[in-house]
C-alpha atoms as a PDB file:
ATOM      1  CA  UNK A   1     -14.845 -11.407  58.037  1.00  0.00           C
ATOM      2  CA  UNK A   2     -11.193 -10.402  58.377  1.00  0.00           C
ATOM      3  CA  UNK A   3      -8.540 -10.041  61.038  1.00  0.00           C
ATOM      4  CA  UNK A   4      -7.766  -6.633  62.513  1.00  0.00           C
ATOM      5  CA  UNK A   5      -3.911  -6.544  62.647  1.00  0.00           C
ATOM      6  CA  UNK A   6      -3.905  -4.113  65.581  1.00  0.00           C
ATOM      7  CA  UNK A   7      -5.999  -6.059  68.055  1.00  0.00           C
ATOM      8  CA  UNK A   8      -6.233  -9.555  66.722  1.00  0.00           C
ATOM      9  CA  UNK A   9     -10.056  -9.467  66.435  1.00  0.00           C
ATOM     10  CA  UNK A  10     -12.046 -10.289  63.357  1.00  0.00           C
ATOM     11  CA  UNK A  11     -14.221  -7.593  61.818  1.00  0.00           C
ATOM     12  CA  UNK A  12     -16.318  -6.873  58.807  1.00  0.00           C
ATOM     13  CA  UNK A  13     -14.606  -5.431  55.681  1.00  0.00           C
ATOM     14  CA  UNK A  14     -13.692  -1.774  56.406  1.00  0.00           C
ATOM     15  CA  UNK A  15     -15.037   0.256  53.519  1.00  0.00           C
ATOM     16  CA  UNK A  16     -18.035   2.519  52.766  1.00  0.00           C
ATOM     17  CA  UNK A  17     -20.345   3.223  55.624  1.00  0.00           C
ATOM     18  CA  UNK A  18     -17.768   2.145  58.220  1.00  0.00           C
ATOM     19  CA  UNK A  19     -15.479   5.039  56.927  1.00  0.00           C
ATOM     20  CA  UNK A  20     -18.331   7.523  56.968  1.00  0.00           C
ATOM     21  CA  UNK A  21     -19.102   6.588  60.534  1.00  0.00           C
ATOM     22  CA  UNK A  22     -15.477   6.794  61.578  1.00  0.00           C
ATOM     23  CA  UNK A  23     -14.990  10.138  59.989  1.00  0.00           C
ATOM     24  CA  UNK A  24     -18.359  11.730  60.823  1.00  0.00           C
ATOM     25  CA  UNK A  25     -16.813  15.058  61.791  1.00  0.00           C
ATOM     26  CA  UNK A  26     -14.856  15.522  58.570  1.00  0.00           C
ATOM     27  CA  UNK A  27     -15.303  17.176  55.067  1.00  0.00           C
ATOM     28  CA  UNK A  28     -16.028  16.814  49.459  1.00  0.00           C
ATOM     29  CA  UNK A  29     -12.379  16.073  49.078  1.00  0.00           C
ATOM     30  CA  UNK A  30      -9.700  17.459  46.722  1.00  0.00           C
ATOM     31  CA  UNK A  31      -6.857  15.224  45.710  1.00  0.00           C
ATOM     32  CA  UNK A  32      -4.333  15.778  43.103  1.00  0.00           C
ATOM     33  CA  UNK A  33      -2.157  13.213  41.515  1.00  0.00           C
ATOM     34  CA  UNK A  34       0.909  15.182  40.673  1.00  0.00           C
ATOM     35  CA  UNK A  35      -1.950  15.877  40.233  1.00  0.00           C
ATOM     36  CA  UNK A  36      -5.709  14.870  40.510  1.00  0.00           C
ATOM     37  CA  UNK A  37      -8.264  17.003  42.043  1.00  0.00           C
ATOM     38  CA  UNK A  38     -11.572  15.824  43.535  1.00  0.00           C
ATOM     39  CA  UNK A  39     -13.949  18.716  44.144  1.00  0.00           C
ATOM     40  CA  UNK A  40     -17.505  18.073  45.090  1.00  0.00           C
ATOM     41  CA  UNK A  41     -17.182  14.492  43.867  1.00  0.00           C
ATOM     42  CA  UNK A  42     -15.751  15.439  40.442  1.00  0.00           C
ATOM     43  CA  UNK A  43     -12.211  14.241  39.535  1.00  0.00           C
ATOM     44  CA  UNK A  44      -9.892  16.738  37.891  1.00  0.00           C
ATOM     45  CA  UNK A  45      -6.640  15.157  36.672  1.00  0.00           C
ATOM     46  CA  UNK A  46      -4.066  17.693  35.903  1.00  0.00           C
ATOM     47  CA  UNK A  47      -1.599  15.119  34.595  1.00  0.00           C
ATOM     48  CA  UNK A  48       1.967  14.807  35.171  1.00  0.00           C
ATOM     49  CA  UNK A  49       4.669  12.903  33.282  1.00  0.00           C
ATOM     50  CA  UNK A  50       7.450  14.911  31.848  1.00  0.00           C
ATOM     51  CA  UNK A  51       6.666  17.816  29.623  1.00  0.00           C
ATOM     52  CA  UNK A  52       8.394  16.123  26.645  1.00  0.00           C
ATOM     53  CA  UNK A  53       5.711  13.426  26.659  1.00  0.00           C
ATOM     54  CA  UNK A  54       3.157  15.832  25.294  1.00  0.00           C
ATOM     55  CA  UNK A  55       1.102  13.317  23.367  1.00  0.00           C
ATOM     56  CA  UNK A  56       0.507  10.933  26.239  1.00  0.00           C
ATOM     57  CA  UNK A  57       0.044  13.860  28.661  1.00  0.00           C
ATOM     58  CA  UNK A  58      -2.862  15.153  26.476  1.00  0.00           C
ATOM     59  CA  UNK A  59      -4.447  11.754  26.213  1.00  0.00           C
ATOM     60  CA  UNK A  60      -4.277  11.123  29.981  1.00  0.00           C
ATOM     61  CA  UNK A  61      -5.620  14.672  30.695  1.00  0.00           C
ATOM     62  CA  UNK A  62      -8.502  14.263  28.304  1.00  0.00           C
ATOM     63  CA  UNK A  63      -9.401  10.799  29.682  1.00  0.00           C
ATOM     64  CA  UNK A  64      -9.325  11.943  33.360  1.00  0.00           C
ATOM     65  CA  UNK A  65     -10.117  15.596  33.512  1.00  0.00           C
ATOM     66  CA  UNK A  66     -13.119  17.427  34.753  1.00  0.00           C
ATOM     67  CA  UNK A  67     -13.650  21.093  36.012  1.00  0.00           C
ATOM     68  CA  UNK A  68     -10.478  22.470  37.516  1.00  0.00           C
ATOM     69  CA  UNK A  69     -10.489  24.113  40.929  1.00  0.00           C
ATOM     70  CA  UNK A  70      -7.924  26.943  41.116  1.00  0.00           C
ATOM     71  CA  UNK A  71      -5.786  27.823  44.187  1.00  0.00           C
ATOM     72  CA  UNK A  72      -5.574  31.375  45.525  1.00  0.00           C
ATOM     73  CA  UNK A  73      -2.565  32.977  47.157  1.00  0.00           C
ATOM     74  CA  UNK A  74       0.923  34.050  46.427  1.00  0.00           C
ATOM     75  CA  UNK A  75       2.043  30.539  45.487  1.00  0.00           C
ATOM     76  CA  UNK A  76      -0.875  29.855  43.072  1.00  0.00           C
ATOM     77  CA  UNK A  77       1.211  30.191  39.925  1.00  0.00           C
ATOM     78  CA  UNK A  78       3.001  26.813  40.137  1.00  0.00           C
ATOM     79  CA  UNK A  79       2.889  23.798  37.879  1.00  0.00           C
ATOM     80  CA  UNK A  80      -0.526  23.358  36.286  1.00  0.00           C
ATOM     81  CA  UNK A  81      -2.089  25.714  38.878  1.00  0.00           C
ATOM     82  CA  UNK A  82      -0.569  23.994  41.951  1.00  0.00           C
ATOM     83  CA  UNK A  83       1.621  25.605  44.594  1.00  0.00           C
ATOM     84  CA  UNK A  84       4.572  27.416  43.007  1.00  0.00           C
ATOM     85  CA  UNK A  85       7.285  26.013  45.316  1.00  0.00           C
ATOM     86  CA  UNK A  86       8.418  22.864  46.890  1.00  0.00           C
ATOM     87  CA  UNK A  87      10.186  22.843  50.314  1.00  0.00           C
ATOM     88  CA  UNK A  88      12.629  19.902  50.829  1.00  0.00           C
ATOM     89  CA  UNK A  89      14.727  18.461  53.591  1.00  0.00           C
ATOM     90  CA  UNK A  90      18.173  17.609  52.415  1.00  0.00           C
ATOM     91  CA  UNK A  91      19.258  14.023  53.048  1.00  0.00           C
ATOM     92  CA  UNK A  92      20.998  14.018  56.345  1.00  0.00           C
ATOM     93  CA  UNK A  93      18.762  16.895  57.668  1.00  0.00           C
ATOM     94  CA  UNK A  94      21.414  19.534  57.422  1.00  0.00           C
ATOM     95  CA  UNK A  95      19.331  22.135  55.544  1.00  0.00           C
ATOM     96  CA  UNK A  96      16.069  23.081  53.955  1.00  0.00           C
ATOM     97  CA  UNK A  97      15.917  24.031  50.227  1.00  0.00           C
ATOM     98  CA  UNK A  98      13.132  25.670  48.249  1.00  0.00           C
ATOM     99  CA  UNK A  99      12.687  24.845  44.607  1.00  0.00           C
ATOM    100  CA  UNK A 100      10.453  26.030  41.842  1.00  0.00           C
ATOM    101  CA  UNK A 101       7.670  23.555  41.227  1.00  0.00           C
ATOM    102  CA  UNK A 102       7.935  24.060  37.490  1.00  0.00           C
ATOM    103  CA  UNK A 103      11.570  23.415  36.819  1.00  0.00           C
ATOM    104  CA  UNK A 104      13.258  22.382  40.179  1.00  0.00           C
ATOM    105  CA  UNK A 105      15.404  25.448  40.322  1.00  0.00           C
ATOM    106  CA  UNK A 106      16.347  26.686  43.828  1.00  0.00           C
ATOM    107  CA  UNK A 107      14.741  30.049  44.635  1.00  0.00           C
ATOM    108  CA  UNK A 108      17.475  31.129  47.206  1.00  0.00           C
ATOM    109  CA  UNK A 109      20.085  29.974  49.611  1.00  0.00           C
ATOM    110  CA  UNK A 110      19.529  26.846  51.685  1.00  0.00           C
ATOM    111  CA  UNK A 111      18.310  27.234  55.308  1.00  0.00           C
ATOM    112  CA  UNK A 112      20.702  25.518  57.735  1.00  0.00           C
ATOM    113  CA  UNK A 113      19.405  23.359  60.605  1.00  0.00           C
ATOM    114  CA  UNK A 114      19.626  24.772  64.132  1.00  0.00           C
ATOM    115  CA  UNK A 115      22.970  24.149  65.759  1.00  0.00           C
ATOM    116  CA  UNK A 116      23.215  20.599  67.095  1.00  0.00           C
ATOM    117  CA  UNK A 117      19.962  19.486  65.429  1.00  0.00           C
ATOM    118  CA  UNK A 118      18.790  17.812  62.134  1.00  0.00           C
ATOM    119  CA  UNK A 119      15.745  18.446  60.158  1.00  0.00           C
ATOM    120  CA  UNK A 120      13.551  15.366  59.623  1.00  0.00           C
ATOM    121  CA  UNK A 121      10.091  16.155  58.151  1.00  0.00           C
ATOM    122  CA  UNK A 122       8.295  19.050  56.534  1.00  0.00           C
ATOM    123  CA  UNK A 123       4.548  19.691  56.089  1.00  0.00           C
ATOM    124  CA  UNK A 124       2.608  22.616  54.445  1.00  0.00           C
ATOM    125  CA  UNK A 125       0.394  24.685  56.677  1.00  0.00           C
ATOM    126  CA  UNK A 126      -2.836  26.340  55.584  1.00  0.00           C
ATOM    127  CA  UNK A 127      -1.483  29.889  55.980  1.00  0.00           C
ATOM    128  CA  UNK A 128       1.214  29.305  53.325  1.00  0.00           C
ATOM    129  CA  UNK A 129       4.046  28.529  55.767  1.00  0.00           C
ATOM    130  CA  UNK A 130       5.870  25.269  56.298  1.00  0.00           C
ATOM    131  CA  UNK A 131       6.225  23.473  59.581  1.00  0.00           C
ATOM    132  CA  UNK A 132       9.473  21.545  59.962  1.00  0.00           C
ATOM    133  CA  UNK A 133      10.542  19.016  62.587  1.00  0.00           C
ATOM    134  CA  UNK A 134      14.078  19.085  63.920  1.00  0.00           C
ATOM    135  CA  UNK A 135      15.600  16.406  66.180  1.00  0.00           C
ATOM    136  CA  UNK A 136      18.295  15.894  68.782  1.00  0.00           C
ATOM    137  CA  UNK A 137      18.743  14.038  72.017  1.00  0.00           C
ATOM    138  CA  UNK A 138      15.394  12.204  71.915  1.00  0.00           C
ATOM    139  CA  UNK A 139      13.399  15.318  71.497  1.00  0.00           C
ATOM    140  CA  UNK A 140      11.601  16.718  68.480  1.00  0.00           C
ATOM    141  CA  UNK A 141      11.159  20.409  68.086  1.00  0.00           C
ATOM    142  CA  UNK A 142       9.170  22.359  65.396  1.00  0.00           C
ATOM    143  CA  UNK A 143      10.089  25.375  63.347  1.00  0.00           C
ATOM    144  CA  UNK A 144       8.076  27.491  60.953  1.00  0.00           C
ATOM    145  CA  UNK A 145       9.319  28.613  57.538  1.00  0.00           C
ATOM    146  CA  UNK A 146       7.804  31.411  55.563  1.00  0.00           C
ATOM    147  CA  UNK A 147       8.613  32.252  51.887  1.00  0.00           C
ATOM    148  CA  UNK A 148       8.527  35.698  50.272  1.00  0.00           C
ATOM    149  CA  UNK A 149       6.635  36.481  47.146  1.00  0.00           C
ATOM    150  CA  UNK A 150       9.429  35.189  45.031  1.00  0.00           C
ATOM    151  CA  UNK A 151       9.664  31.885  46.891  1.00  0.00           C
ATOM    152  CA  UNK A 152      12.823  32.783  48.719  1.00  0.00           C
ATOM    153  CA  UNK A 153      13.042  31.499  52.261  1.00  0.00           C
ATOM    154  CA  UNK A 154      12.672  33.940  55.120  1.00  0.00           C
ATOM    155  CA  UNK A 155      13.761  33.492  58.737  1.00  0.00           C
ATOM    156  CA  UNK A 156      13.202  30.133  60.378  1.00  0.00           C
ATOM    157  CA  UNK A 157      11.363  30.524  63.618  1.00  0.00           C
ATOM    158  CA  UNK A 158      10.894  27.976  66.414  1.00  0.00           C
ATOM    159  CA  UNK A 159       7.272  27.304  67.409  1.00  0.00           C
ATOM    160  CA  UNK A 160       7.489  27.975  71.253  1.00  0.00           C
ATOM    161  CA  UNK A 161       6.294  25.336  73.645  1.00  0.00           C
ATOM    162  CA  UNK A 162       5.676  22.639  71.118  1.00  0.00           C
ATOM    163  CA  UNK A 163       7.942  19.567  71.482  1.00  0.00           C
ATOM    164  CA  UNK A 164       7.550  15.859  71.321  1.00  0.00           C
ATOM    165  CA  UNK A 165       9.776  13.476  73.435  1.00  0.00           C
ATOM    166  CA  UNK A 166      10.939  10.290  71.651  1.00  0.00           C
ATOM    167  CA  UNK A 167      13.094   8.967  68.910  1.00  0.00           C
ATOM    168  CA  UNK A 168      12.549  10.451  65.477  1.00  0.00           C
ATOM    169  CA  UNK A 169      13.610   7.963  62.681  1.00  0.00           C
ATOM    170  CA  UNK A 170      13.404   7.604  58.881  1.00  0.00           C
ATOM    171  CA  UNK A 171       9.861   6.164  59.508  1.00  0.00           C
ATOM    172  CA  UNK A 172       8.694   9.190  61.445  1.00  0.00           C
ATOM    173  CA  UNK A 173       6.023  11.361  59.850  1.00  0.00           C
ATOM    174  CA  UNK A 174       4.442  14.893  60.339  1.00  0.00           C
ATOM    175  CA  UNK A 175       1.055  16.439  59.428  1.00  0.00           C
ATOM    176  CA  UNK A 176      -0.421  19.756  60.306  1.00  0.00           C
ATOM    177  CA  UNK A 177      -4.125  20.034  60.893  1.00  0.00           C
ATOM    178  CA  UNK A 178      -6.067  22.241  58.350  1.00  0.00           C
ATOM    179  CA  UNK A 179      -6.883  24.774  61.173  1.00  0.00           C
ATOM    180  CA  UNK A 180      -3.131  25.155  61.570  1.00  0.00           C
ATOM    181  CA  UNK A 181      -3.270  24.505  65.350  1.00  0.00           C
ATOM    182  CA  UNK A 182      -2.535  20.859  65.742  1.00  0.00           C
ATOM    183  CA  UNK A 183       0.672  19.045  64.815  1.00  0.00           C
ATOM    184  CA  UNK A 184       0.738  15.267  64.534  1.00  0.00           C
ATOM    185  CA  UNK A 185       4.072  13.451  64.774  1.00  0.00           C
ATOM    186  CA  UNK A 186       5.208   9.798  64.836  1.00  0.00           C
ATOM    187  CA  UNK A 187       8.148   8.694  67.024  1.00  0.00           C
ATOM    188  CA  UNK A 188       9.382   5.221  67.852  1.00  0.00           C
ATOM    189  CA  UNK A 189      10.623   3.084  70.793  1.00  0.00           C
ATOM    190  CA  UNK A 190      12.398   0.322  69.117  1.00  0.00           C
ATOM    191  CA  UNK A 191       9.945  -0.941  66.339  1.00  0.00           C
ATOM    192  CA  UNK A 192       6.784   0.340  68.256  1.00  0.00           C
ATOM    193  CA  UNK A 193       5.295   3.645  67.217  1.00  0.00           C
ATOM    194  CA  UNK A 194       3.640   6.500  69.154  1.00  0.00           C
ATOM    195  CA  UNK A 195       1.502   9.231  67.600  1.00  0.00           C
ATOM    196  CA  UNK A 196       1.612  12.652  69.397  1.00  0.00           C
ATOM    197  CA  UNK A 197      -0.815  15.514  68.732  1.00  0.00           C
ATOM    198  CA  UNK A 198       0.128  18.872  70.069  1.00  0.00           C
ATOM    199  CA  UNK A 199      -1.753  22.092  69.954  1.00  0.00           C
ATOM    200  CA  UNK A 200       0.279  25.186  68.792  1.00  0.00           C
ATOM    201  CA  UNK A 201      -2.002  27.610  70.618  1.00  0.00           C
ATOM    202  CA  UNK A 202      -2.306  25.884  73.995  1.00  0.00           C
ATOM    203  CA  UNK A 203       0.407  23.324  74.157  1.00  0.00           C
ATOM    204  CA  UNK A 204      -2.103  20.686  74.964  1.00  0.00           C
ATOM    205  CA  UNK A 205      -0.511  17.332  74.315  1.00  0.00           C
ATOM    206  CA  UNK A 206      -2.111  13.881  73.560  1.00  0.00           C
ATOM    207  CA  UNK A 207      -0.476  10.651  72.558  1.00  0.00           C
ATOM    208  CA  UNK A 208      -1.463   7.207  71.393  1.00  0.00           C
ATOM    209  CA  UNK A 209       1.030   4.316  71.458  1.00  0.00           C
ATOM    210  CA  UNK A 210       1.228   0.631  70.565  1.00  0.00           C
ATOM    211  CA  UNK A 211       3.497  -2.117  71.749  1.00  0.00           C
ATOM    212  CA  UNK A 212       3.189  -3.975  68.508  1.00  0.00           C
ATOM    213  CA  UNK A 213       6.050  -3.709  65.989  1.00  0.00           C
ATOM    214  CA  UNK A 214       4.714  -1.546  63.129  1.00  0.00           C
ATOM    215  CA  UNK A 215       5.439   1.474  60.991  1.00  0.00           C
ATOM    216  CA  UNK A 216       2.996   4.275  61.017  1.00  0.00           C
ATOM    217  CA  UNK A 217       3.020   6.695  58.084  1.00  0.00           C
ATOM    218  CA  UNK A 218       0.981   8.707  55.600  1.00  0.00           C
ATOM    219  CA  UNK A 219      -0.480  10.966  58.293  1.00  0.00           C
ATOM    220  CA  UNK A 220      -3.411  13.084  56.986  1.00  0.00           C
ATOM    221  CA  UNK A 221      -6.077  15.193  58.709  1.00  0.00           C
ATOM    222  CA  UNK A 222      -9.829  15.691  58.096  1.00  0.00           C
ATOM    223  CA  UNK A 223     -11.343  17.824  60.871  1.00  0.00           C
ATOM    224  CA  UNK A 224     -10.546  16.111  64.151  1.00  0.00           C
ATOM    225  CA  UNK A 225      -9.797  12.809  62.450  1.00  0.00           C
ATOM    226  CA  UNK A 226      -6.186  11.753  61.937  1.00  0.00           C
ATOM    227  CA  UNK A 227      -5.689   9.069  59.301  1.00  0.00           C
ATOM    228  CA  UNK A 228      -2.574   6.960  58.902  1.00  0.00           C
ATOM    229  CA  UNK A 229      -1.372   3.791  57.211  1.00  0.00           C
ATOM    230  CA  UNK A 230      -0.650   0.993  59.624  1.00  0.00           C
ATOM    231  CA  UNK A 231       2.063  -1.375  58.534  1.00  0.00           C
ATOM    232  CA  UNK A 232       2.643  -4.167  61.060  1.00  0.00           C
ATOM    233  CA  UNK A 233       6.066  -5.855  60.887  1.00  0.00           C
ATOM    234  CA  UNK A 234       7.214  -9.488  60.902  1.00  0.00           C
ATOM    235  CA  UNK A 235      10.654 -11.069  60.735  1.00  0.00           C
ATOM    236  CA  UNK A 236      11.651 -12.663  57.381  1.00  0.00           C
ATOM    237  CA  UNK A 237      15.208 -13.925  56.870  1.00  0.00           C
ATOM    238  CA  UNK A 238      16.347 -12.022  59.974  1.00  0.00           C
ATOM    239  CA  UNK A 239      14.911  -8.707  58.753  1.00  0.00           C
ATOM    240  CA  UNK A 240      11.805  -6.852  59.715  1.00  0.00           C
ATOM    241  CA  UNK A 241       9.413  -6.411  56.791  1.00  0.00           C
ATOM    242  CA  UNK A 242       5.979  -4.953  56.447  1.00  0.00           C
ATOM    243  CA  UNK A 243       3.350  -7.673  56.603  1.00  0.00           C
ATOM    244  CA  UNK A 244       0.270  -5.765  55.412  1.00  0.00           C
ATOM    245  CA  UNK A 245      -0.991  -2.269  54.885  1.00  0.00           C
ATOM    246  CA  UNK A 246      -4.130  -0.775  56.315  1.00  0.00           C
ATOM    247  CA  UNK A 247      -5.606   2.813  56.485  1.00  0.00           C
ATOM    248  CA  UNK A 248      -6.899   3.612  59.936  1.00  0.00           C
ATOM    249  CA  UNK A 249      -8.542   6.642  61.391  1.00  0.00           C
ATOM    250  CA  UNK A 250      -8.193   8.096  64.907  1.00  0.00           C
ATOM    251  CA  UNK A 251     -10.630  10.517  66.561  1.00  0.00           C
ATOM    252  CA  UNK A 252      -8.213  12.927  68.234  1.00  0.00           C
ATOM    253  CA  UNK A 253     -10.951  14.144  70.612  1.00  0.00           C
ATOM    254  CA  UNK A 254     -10.461  10.904  72.474  1.00  0.00           C
ATOM    255  CA  UNK A 255      -8.184  10.852  75.561  1.00  0.00           C
ATOM    256  CA  UNK A 256      -4.549   9.699  75.219  1.00  0.00           C
ATOM    257  CA  UNK A 257      -4.216   5.879  75.104  1.00  0.00           C
ATOM    258  CA  UNK A 258      -3.575   2.900  72.990  1.00  0.00           C
ATOM    259  CA  UNK A 259      -3.391   3.336  69.201  1.00  0.00           C
ATOM    260  CA  UNK A 260      -5.859   0.499  68.831  1.00  0.00           C
ATOM    261  CA  UNK A 261      -8.546   3.144  69.605  1.00  0.00           C
ATOM    262  CA  UNK A 262      -8.226   3.900  65.907  1.00  0.00           C
ATOM    263  CA  UNK A 263     -10.511   2.243  63.365  1.00  0.00           C
ATOM    264  CA  UNK A 264      -9.638   0.244  60.248  1.00  0.00           C
ATOM    265  CA  UNK A 265     -11.266   1.741  57.214  1.00  0.00           C
ATOM    266  CA  UNK A 266      -9.441   0.364  54.105  1.00  0.00           C
ATOM    267  CA  UNK A 267      -6.925  -2.435  53.313  1.00  0.00           C
ATOM    268  CA  UNK A 268      -4.159  -1.776  50.846  1.00  0.00           C
ATOM    269  CA  UNK A 269      -3.271  -5.249  49.605  1.00  0.00           C
ATOM    270  CA  UNK A 270      -0.817  -3.739  47.107  1.00  0.00           C
ATOM    271  CA  UNK A 271       0.829  -1.477  49.658  1.00  0.00           C
ATOM    272  CA  UNK A 272       1.849   2.105  48.885  1.00  0.00           C
ATOM    273  CA  UNK A 273       0.781   5.318  50.543  1.00  0.00           C
ATOM    274  CA  UNK A 274      -2.646   6.777  51.123  1.00  0.00           C
ATOM    275  CA  UNK A 275      -4.255  10.026  52.413  1.00  0.00           C
ATOM    276  CA  UNK A 276      -7.768  10.922  53.624  1.00  0.00           C
ATOM    277  CA  UNK A 277      -9.437  13.833  51.828  1.00  0.00           C
ATOM    278  CA  UNK A 278     -10.225  16.917  53.908  1.00  0.00           C
ATOM    279  CA  UNK A 279     -13.977  16.136  53.754  1.00  0.00           C
ATOM    280  CA  UNK A 280     -13.465  12.456  54.916  1.00  0.00           C
ATOM    281  CA  UNK A 281     -15.394  11.262  51.833  1.00  0.00           C
ATOM    282  CA  UNK A 282     -12.405   9.879  49.851  1.00  0.00           C
ATOM    283  CA  UNK A 283      -9.096   8.104  50.338  1.00  0.00           C
ATOM    284  CA  UNK A 284      -6.547   8.326  47.635  1.00  0.00           C
ATOM    285  CA  UNK A 285      -4.103   5.549  47.555  1.00  0.00           C
ATOM    286  CA  UNK A 286      -1.017   5.259  45.314  1.00  0.00           C
ATOM    287  CA  UNK A 287       0.963   2.120  44.403  1.00  0.00           C
ATOM    288  CA  UNK A 288       3.417   1.080  41.728  1.00  0.00           C
ATOM    289  CA  UNK A 289       3.333  -1.863  39.328  1.00  0.00           C
ATOM    290  CA  UNK A 290       4.837  -2.615  35.905  1.00  0.00           C
ATOM    291  CA  UNK A 291       6.679   0.758  35.668  1.00  0.00           C
ATOM    292  CA  UNK A 292       3.659   2.860  36.451  1.00  0.00           C
ATOM    293  CA  UNK A 293       2.326   4.609  39.531  1.00  0.00           C
ATOM    294  CA  UNK A 294      -1.462   4.522  39.851  1.00  0.00           C
ATOM    295  CA  UNK A 295      -3.553   6.715  42.121  1.00  0.00           C
ATOM    296  CA  UNK A 296      -6.957   5.409  42.959  1.00  0.00           C
ATOM    297  CA  UNK A 297      -9.812   7.184  44.821  1.00  0.00           C
ATOM    298  CA  UNK A 298     -11.811   5.033  47.209  1.00  0.00           C
ATOM    299  CA  UNK A 299     -15.274   6.448  48.012  1.00  0.00           C
ATOM    300  CA  UNK A 300     -16.509   6.619  51.488  1.00  0.00           C
ATOM    301  CA  UNK A 301     -20.049   5.994  52.425  1.00  0.00           C
ATOM    302  CA  UNK A 302     -20.625   3.417  49.646  1.00  0.00           C
ATOM    303  CA  UNK A 303     -19.126   0.075  48.591  1.00  0.00           C
ATOM    304  CA  UNK A 304     -18.577   1.362  45.076  1.00  0.00           C
ATOM    305  CA  UNK A 305     -15.528   0.474  43.076  1.00  0.00           C
ATOM    306  CA  UNK A 306     -12.234   2.586  43.322  1.00  0.00           C
ATOM    307  CA  UNK A 307     -11.732   5.088  40.516  1.00  0.00           C
ATOM    308  CA  UNK A 308      -8.363   5.438  38.801  1.00  0.00           C
ATOM    309  CA  UNK A 309      -7.576   9.189  38.924  1.00  0.00           C
ATOM    310  CA  UNK A 310      -4.109   9.050  37.472  1.00  0.00           C
ATOM    311  CA  UNK A 311      -1.407   6.827  36.021  1.00  0.00           C
ATOM    312  CA  UNK A 312       2.171   7.900  35.142  1.00  0.00           C
ATOM    313  CA  UNK A 313       5.456   6.301  34.381  1.00  0.00           C
ATOM    314  CA  UNK A 314       7.928   5.768  37.141  1.00  0.00           C
ATOM    315  CA  UNK A 315      10.854   3.610  37.854  1.00  0.00           C
ATOM    316  CA  UNK A 316      10.111   3.495  41.506  1.00  0.00           C
ATOM    317  CA  UNK A 317       7.370   2.949  44.151  1.00  0.00           C
ATOM    318  CA  UNK A 318       5.255   5.508  45.871  1.00  0.00           C
ATOM    319  CA  UNK A 319       7.216   6.725  48.883  1.00  0.00           C
ATOM    320  CA  UNK A 320       4.809   9.488  50.031  1.00  0.00           C
ATOM    321  CA  UNK A 321       1.739  11.459  49.078  1.00  0.00           C
ATOM    322  CA  UNK A 322       1.742  14.989  50.471  1.00  0.00           C
ATOM    323  CA  UNK A 323      -1.312  17.299  50.281  1.00  0.00           C
ATOM    324  CA  UNK A 324      -0.794  20.996  49.641  1.00  0.00           C
ATOM    325  CA  UNK A 325      -1.897  23.590  52.091  1.00  0.00           C
ATOM    326  CA  UNK A 326      -5.438  23.503  50.558  1.00  0.00           C
ATOM    327  CA  UNK A 327      -5.683  19.726  50.657  1.00  0.00           C
ATOM    328  CA  UNK A 328      -6.612  19.944  46.982  1.00  0.00           C
ATOM    329  CA  UNK A 329      -3.447  18.644  45.347  1.00  0.00           C
ATOM    330  CA  UNK A 330      -0.918  16.002  46.137  1.00  0.00           C
ATOM    331  CA  UNK A 331       2.838  15.907  45.652  1.00  0.00           C
ATOM    332  CA  UNK A 332       3.898  12.363  44.847  1.00  0.00           C
ATOM    333  CA  UNK A 333       7.266  11.349  46.015  1.00  0.00           C
ATOM    334  CA  UNK A 334       8.736   8.266  44.274  1.00  0.00           C
ATOM    335  CA  UNK A 335      11.395   5.922  45.393  1.00  0.00           C
ATOM    336  CA  UNK A 336      13.092   6.628  41.962  1.00  0.00           C
ATOM    337  CA  UNK A 337      14.301   9.952  43.342  1.00  0.00           C
ATOM    338  CA  UNK A 338      11.699  12.136  41.722  1.00  0.00           C
ATOM    339  CA  UNK A 339       8.808  14.311  42.785  1.00  0.00           C
ATOM    340  CA  UNK A 340       5.669  14.366  40.634  1.00  0.00           C
ATOM    341  CA  UNK A 341       4.042  17.814  40.953  1.00  0.00           C
ATOM    342  CA  UNK A 342       1.468  19.233  38.534  1.00  0.00           C
ATOM    343  CA  UNK A 343       2.833  19.099  35.051  1.00  0.00           C
ATOM    344  CA  UNK A 344       6.464  18.577  36.236  1.00  0.00           C
ATOM    345  CA  UNK A 345       8.639  15.701  37.242  1.00  0.00           C
ATOM    346  CA  UNK A 346      11.409  17.092  39.438  1.00  0.00           C
ATOM    347  CA  UNK A 347      14.688  15.444  40.554  1.00  0.00           C
ATOM    348  CA  UNK A 348      14.825  14.923  44.294  1.00  0.00           C
ATOM    349  CA  UNK A 349      17.536  12.320  45.003  1.00  0.00           C
ATOM    350  CA  UNK A 350      19.129  14.698  47.478  1.00  0.00           C
ATOM    351  CA  UNK A 351      15.922  15.163  49.504  1.00  0.00           C
ATOM    352  CA  UNK A 352      14.721  13.101  52.554  1.00  0.00           C
ATOM    353  CA  UNK A 353      11.227  14.747  52.504  1.00  0.00           C
ATOM    354  CA  UNK A 354       9.272  17.472  50.618  1.00  0.00           C
ATOM    355  CA  UNK A 355       6.126  19.458  50.841  1.00  0.00           C
ATOM    356  CA  UNK A 356       4.423  22.020  48.635  1.00  0.00           C
END
């Protein structure tokens, strides 16, 4: 038995069948570790590290690789078969930049934030566009950015009728549902989070909030299920620190209400970030230790052990895991100011967020 940090009750360990039950509407997963791909249960590691480390790269790829699943579309020629471009939010939110996923070079001029607003988060959409949040005066708005065939940014367009009221902070997060219709966003009232889900087509709006001090991040979608990492806070030495880390899932078909309607599915004792695969059968979690970032896949529906899908050197911790538009590959953002994407390690100290 263990405590549920969201409602104080004691529950059985949350793994395996519990996850399958919680995600019954969702779908074999693809995950890439800068990156690893899970397709129909097979793990394909297209390993990262810097290209100069060829010997270690070959060893890791040999140890972890399986059949590779390719990506279609205009951006399919990127690093190791991944998306060709990375869209980033400059620190301070003043602009968006687009960079080549192979070498980090910028593809065109930066896109300035709308007047009086600041960009906060960016997420890849299934149609190849990017959804970006902008913030001002306690209101979050969303814009859509398309790229041309050469990765150059085209006109930024506001998504009409889709807004979220609340305070967007450095701990806010954004995720676009695979069907492209629903946007999930996290805002805060003090240290308490609220998760909003808004339909792009209809404007229908739902929200789930908590009064407990906690950070909510690592949003990811699988069908109607929204997964997130719940990080309750406690005060240590006069500072708020994360007390524990837990992956939870929320059925967004439920009516608006308390965030404790979500279900705990996996504890992350070592912290880090985690995302739910598009099929709901796998959670991939990343954490750092001893100068390495390790990504592990936790199977749903069984109590089997986690599988290490990638390891690579990093001087930092895992800040974010961002699925690409297919859900098949992950962009790994480290606190060392680098992005790990396919076969490349890209500088990103000037970016507050990124997606590919």
